[in-house]
Each structure stands twice: as structure tokens, then as C-alpha cells.
C-alpha atoms as a PDB file:
ATOM      1  CA  UNK A   1       0.050  -0.008  -0.037  1.00  0.00           C
ATOM      2  CA  UNK A   2       1.264   3.430  -0.935  1.00  0.00           C
ATOM      3  CA  UNK A   3       1.659   6.444   1.444  1.00  0.00           C
ATOM      4  CA  UNK A   4       0.187   9.793   0.728  1.00  0.00           C
ATOM      5  CA  UNK A   5       1.877  12.947   2.239  1.00  0.00           C
ATOM      6  CA  UNK A   6       0.460  16.379   2.424  1.00  0.00           C
ATOM      7  CA  UNK A   7       0.731  19.551   4.345  1.00  0.00           C
ATOM      8  CA  UNK A   8      -1.789  21.344   6.299  1.00  0.00           C
ATOM      9  CA  UNK A   9      -1.631  24.270   8.887  1.00  0.00           C
ATOM     10  CA  UNK A  10      -1.536  23.341  12.592  1.00  0.00           C
ATOM     11  CA  UNK A  11      -5.273  24.560  13.241  1.00  0.00           C
ATOM     12  CA  UNK A  12      -6.676  22.436  10.557  1.00  0.00           C
ATOM     13  CA  UNK A  13      -4.797  19.393  11.738  1.00  0.00           C
ATOM     14  CA  UNK A  14      -5.765  20.078  15.588  1.00  0.00           C
ATOM     15  CA  UNK A  15      -9.504  20.388  14.260  1.00  0.00           C
ATOM     16  CA  UNK A  16      -9.329  17.477  12.053  1.00  0.00           C
ATOM     17  CA  UNK A  17      -7.724  15.456  14.953  1.00  0.00           C
ATOM     18  CA  UNK A  18     -10.622  16.482  17.365  1.00  0.00           C
ATOM     19  CA  UNK A  19     -13.095  15.462  14.756  1.00  0.00           C
ATOM     20  CA  UNK A  20     -11.534  12.141  14.236  1.00  0.00           C
ATOM     21  CA  UNK A  21     -11.478  11.571  18.029  1.00  0.00           C
ATOM     22  CA  UNK A  22     -15.105  12.495  18.241  1.00  0.00           C
ATOM     23  CA  UNK A  23     -15.850   9.792  15.726  1.00  0.00           C
ATOM     24  CA  UNK A  24     -13.744   7.330  17.792  1.00  0.00           C
ATOM     25  CA  UNK A  25     -11.153   6.751  15.258  1.00  0.00           C
ATOM     26  CA  UNK A  26      -7.878   8.314  14.056  1.00  0.00           C
ATOM     27  CA  UNK A  27      -7.258  11.033  11.312  1.00  0.00           C
ATOM     28  CA  UNK A  28      -5.457   8.318   9.211  1.00  0.00           C
ATOM     29  CA  UNK A  29      -8.412   6.076   9.184  1.00  0.00           C
ATOM     30  CA  UNK A  30     -10.508   9.216   8.228  1.00  0.00           C
ATOM     31  CA  UNK A  31      -8.285  10.171   5.397  1.00  0.00           C
ATOM     32  CA  UNK A  32      -8.077   6.885   4.100  1.00  0.00           C
ATOM     33  CA  UNK A  33     -11.867   6.665   3.994  1.00  0.00           C
ATOM     34  CA  UNK A  34     -12.145  10.047   2.452  1.00  0.00           C
ATOM     35  CA  UNK A  35      -9.526   8.808  -0.221  1.00  0.00           C
ATOM     36  CA  UNK A  36     -11.522   5.759  -0.908  1.00  0.00           C
ATOM     37  CA  UNK A  37     -14.656   7.654  -1.276  1.00  0.00           C
ATOM     38  CA  UNK A  38     -13.008   9.939  -3.841  1.00  0.00           C
ATOM     39  CA  UNK A  39     -11.790   7.135  -5.910  1.00  0.00           C
ATOM     40  CA  UNK A  40     -15.220   5.391  -5.905  1.00  0.00           C
ATOM     41  CA  UNK A  41     -16.579   8.756  -7.064  1.00  0.00           C
ATOM     42  CA  UNK A  42     -14.210   8.671  -9.834  1.00  0.00           C
ATOM     43  CA  UNK A  43     -14.884   5.303 -10.862  1.00  0.00           C
ATOM     44  CA  UNK A  44     -18.509   6.195 -11.146  1.00  0.00           C
ATOM     45  CA  UNK A  45     -17.725   9.239 -12.985  1.00  0.00           C
ATOM     46  CA  UNK A  46     -15.555   7.364 -15.599  1.00  0.00           C
ATOM     47  CA  UNK A  47     -17.923   4.672 -15.898  1.00  0.00           C
ATOM     48  CA  UNK A  48     -21.006   6.972 -16.570  1.00  0.00           C
ATOM     49  CA  UNK A  49     -19.040   9.178 -18.759  1.00  0.00           C
ATOM     50  CA  UNK A  50     -17.989   6.149 -20.882  1.00  0.00           C
ATOM     51  CA  UNK A  51     -21.696   4.787 -20.849  1.00  0.00           C
ATOM     52  CA  UNK A  52     -23.120   8.351 -21.853  1.00  0.00           C
ATOM     53  CA  UNK A  53     -20.438   8.477 -24.785  1.00  0.00           C
ATOM     54  CA  UNK A  54     -21.126   4.997 -25.894  1.00  0.00           C
ATOM     55  CA  UNK A  55     -24.919   5.625 -25.874  1.00  0.00           C
ATOM     56  CA  UNK A  56     -24.458   8.849 -27.925  1.00  0.00           C
ATOM     57  CA  UNK A  57     -22.227   7.019 -30.456  1.00  0.00           C
ATOM     58  CA  UNK A  58     -24.818   4.441 -30.731  1.00  0.00           C
ATOM     59  CA  UNK A  59     -27.672   6.952 -31.042  1.00  0.00           C
ATOM     60  CA  UNK A  60     -25.597   8.788 -33.876  1.00  0.00           C
ATOM     61  CA  UNK A  61     -25.060   5.642 -35.832  1.00  0.00           C
ATOM     62  CA  UNK A  62     -28.844   4.454 -35.626  1.00  0.00           C
ATOM     63  CA  UNK A  63     -29.723   8.042 -36.781  1.00  0.00           C
ATOM     64  CA  UNK A  64     -27.288   7.829 -39.594  1.00  0.00           C
ATOM     65  CA  UNK A  65     -28.756   4.434 -40.836  1.00  0.00           C
ATOM     66  CA  UNK A  66     -32.379   5.787 -40.487  1.00  0.00           C
ATOM     67  CA  UNK A  67     -31.504   8.606 -42.755  1.00  0.00           C
ATOM     68  CA  UNK A  68     -29.592   6.541 -45.132  1.00  0.00           C
ATOM     69  CA  UNK A  69     -26.416   8.409 -44.494  1.00  0.00           C
ATOM     70  CA  UNK A  70     -24.294   5.193 -43.926  1.00  0.00           C
ATOM     71  CA  UNK A  71     -21.493   4.154 -46.378  1.00  0.00           C
ATOM     72  CA  UNK A  72     -20.919   0.477 -46.409  1.00  0.00           C
ATOM     73  CA  UNK A  73     -17.812  -1.035 -47.769  1.00  0.00           C
ATOM     74  CA  UNK A  74     -16.605  -4.520 -48.499  1.00  0.00           C
ATOM     75  CA  UNK A  75     -14.608  -6.835 -46.077  1.00  0.00           C
ATOM     76  CA  UNK A  76     -11.561  -6.448 -48.491  1.00  0.00           C
ATOM     77  CA  UNK A  77     -11.723  -2.745 -48.824  1.00  0.00           C
ATOM     78  CA  UNK A  78     -11.994  -2.624 -44.899  1.00  0.00           C
ATOM     79  CA  UNK A  79      -8.854  -4.715 -44.446  1.00  0.00           C
ATOM     80  CA  UNK A  80      -6.973  -2.542 -47.273  1.00  0.00           C
ATOM     81  CA  UNK A  81      -7.870   0.496 -45.172  1.00  0.00           C
ATOM     82  CA  UNK A  82      -6.848  -1.001 -41.879  1.00  0.00           C
ATOM     83  CA  UNK A  83      -3.563  -2.195 -43.448  1.00  0.00           C
ATOM     84  CA  UNK A  84      -2.872   1.433 -44.693  1.00  0.00           C
ATOM     85  CA  UNK A  85      -3.682   3.007 -41.285  1.00  0.00           C
ATOM     86  CA  UNK A  86      -1.437   0.584 -39.536  1.00  0.00           C
ATOM     87  CA  UNK A  87       1.406   1.460 -42.038  1.00  0.00           C
ATOM     88  CA  UNK A  88       0.836   5.171 -41.584  1.00  0.00           C
ATOM     89  CA  UNK A  89       0.730   4.660 -37.724  1.00  0.00           C
ATOM     90  CA  UNK A  90       4.002   2.613 -37.637  1.00  0.00           C
ATOM     91  CA  UNK A  91       5.547   5.391 -39.247  1.00  0.00           C
ATOM     92  CA  UNK A  92       6.721   3.400 -42.362  1.00  0.00           C
ATOM     93  CA  UNK A  93       4.792   5.090 -45.039  1.00  0.00           C
ATOM     94  CA  UNK A  94       6.340   7.292 -47.694  1.00  0.00           C
ATOM     95  CA  UNK A  95       4.335  10.541 -48.446  1.00  0.00           C
END
């Protein structure tokens, strides 16, 4: 488990320690709990952000299909495009 260090002023530390004592725990446990809560919030945010993006992309694709704005290509053409893109991304292409 990693360690986190941060600086706070003495008054903040004193009050935080009193709050921890009132909750019958120590400041380290409270800070760990808060960090875990923040991490869980971030997990939810990332999950929901991805779900929102994916749903939006699906909706756009359905709308394009319904409006007959899609362009379909053969498997061979798709394979050629992917090969060209891989070549370009690898830096081996000559322009």
C-alpha cells in the first residue's frame, strides 16, 4: 500500500484530529476513508462518462442508418484501409 503525504496548517490538523476523536477513530483512518470515497466517485464518473459517450455514439449511428447516410464497404476494402492505417501509424509510410 502506498503512502500519501500532504501539508496542512496546525489549526486544520488540530480540528481534524478532534473530529476524528469525536468519531472514535484516528485521522489516518478518516483520510483513508475519504480517499477511498473519492476514488469510488471517480470510478462512477468514468463509468458513467463512458456509458454516456457510448450511448451517444450508438444513437448517432442509428440516426445515420435511419437517414440512409451510412456508407458500407466490402470486407476486402476494410482490410486494405486498416492495413494502410497501420502502416501510416507505424511511421513506415512514404508521403
